[in-house]
């Protein structure tokens, strides 16, 4: 697991594999990046 995620209480990992991208993961990633998330939440790809 990513070091940044291990140090945080909450980590959102958004798949960017070809099949995930075809299923809409770029939209999911954009929504999380645009959201007003709490300080302890990190979004990673």
Protein backbone atom coordinates (compact mmCIF):
# COMPACT_ATOMS: atom_id res chain seq x y z
CA UNK A 1 0.00 0.00 0.00
CA UNK A 2 1.09 3.56 -0.67
CA UNK A 3 2.97 5.27 2.18
CA UNK A 4 0.68 8.32 2.07
CA UNK A 5 -2.34 6.05 2.49
CA UNK A 6 -0.79 4.15 5.39
CA UNK A 7 -0.33 7.40 7.32
CA UNK A 8 -3.90 8.57 6.71
CA UNK A 9 -7.09 7.31 8.29
CA UNK A 10 -8.96 7.35 4.99
CA UNK A 11 -7.56 6.84 1.51
CA UNK A 12 -9.52 6.58 -1.74
CA UNK A 13 -7.73 4.72 -4.52
CA UNK A 14 -9.24 5.24 -7.98
CA UNK A 15 -8.21 2.68 -10.59
CA UNK A 16 -6.88 4.10 -13.86
CA UNK A 17 -6.38 0.78 -15.66
CA UNK A 18 -7.68 0.64 -19.24
CA UNK A 19 -10.81 -1.31 -18.26
CA UNK A 20 -11.49 0.99 -15.29
CA UNK A 21 -11.10 4.05 -17.48
CA UNK A 22 -13.56 2.57 -19.99
CA UNK A 23 -16.03 2.02 -17.14
CA UNK A 24 -15.89 5.68 -16.07
CA UNK A 25 -13.09 5.97 -13.52
CA UNK A 26 -11.94 9.37 -14.86
CA UNK A 27 -15.35 10.79 -13.89
CA UNK A 28 -15.11 9.22 -10.43
CA UNK A 29 -11.61 10.65 -9.97
CA UNK A 30 -12.75 14.10 -11.09
CA UNK A 31 -15.67 14.01 -8.65
CA UNK A 32 -13.42 13.12 -5.72
CA UNK A 33 -10.84 15.76 -6.70
CA UNK A 34 -13.56 18.42 -6.94
CA UNK A 35 -15.22 17.42 -3.65
CA UNK A 36 -14.66 19.28 -0.40
CA UNK A 37 -13.19 16.33 1.49
CA UNK A 38 -12.08 16.30 5.13
CA UNK A 39 -8.39 16.91 5.81
CA UNK A 40 -7.73 13.27 6.68
CA UNK A 41 -8.91 11.96 3.28
CA UNK A 42 -6.46 11.52 0.43
CA UNK A 43 -7.36 10.59 -3.17
CA UNK A 44 -4.77 8.67 -5.18
CA UNK A 45 -4.63 7.06 -8.59
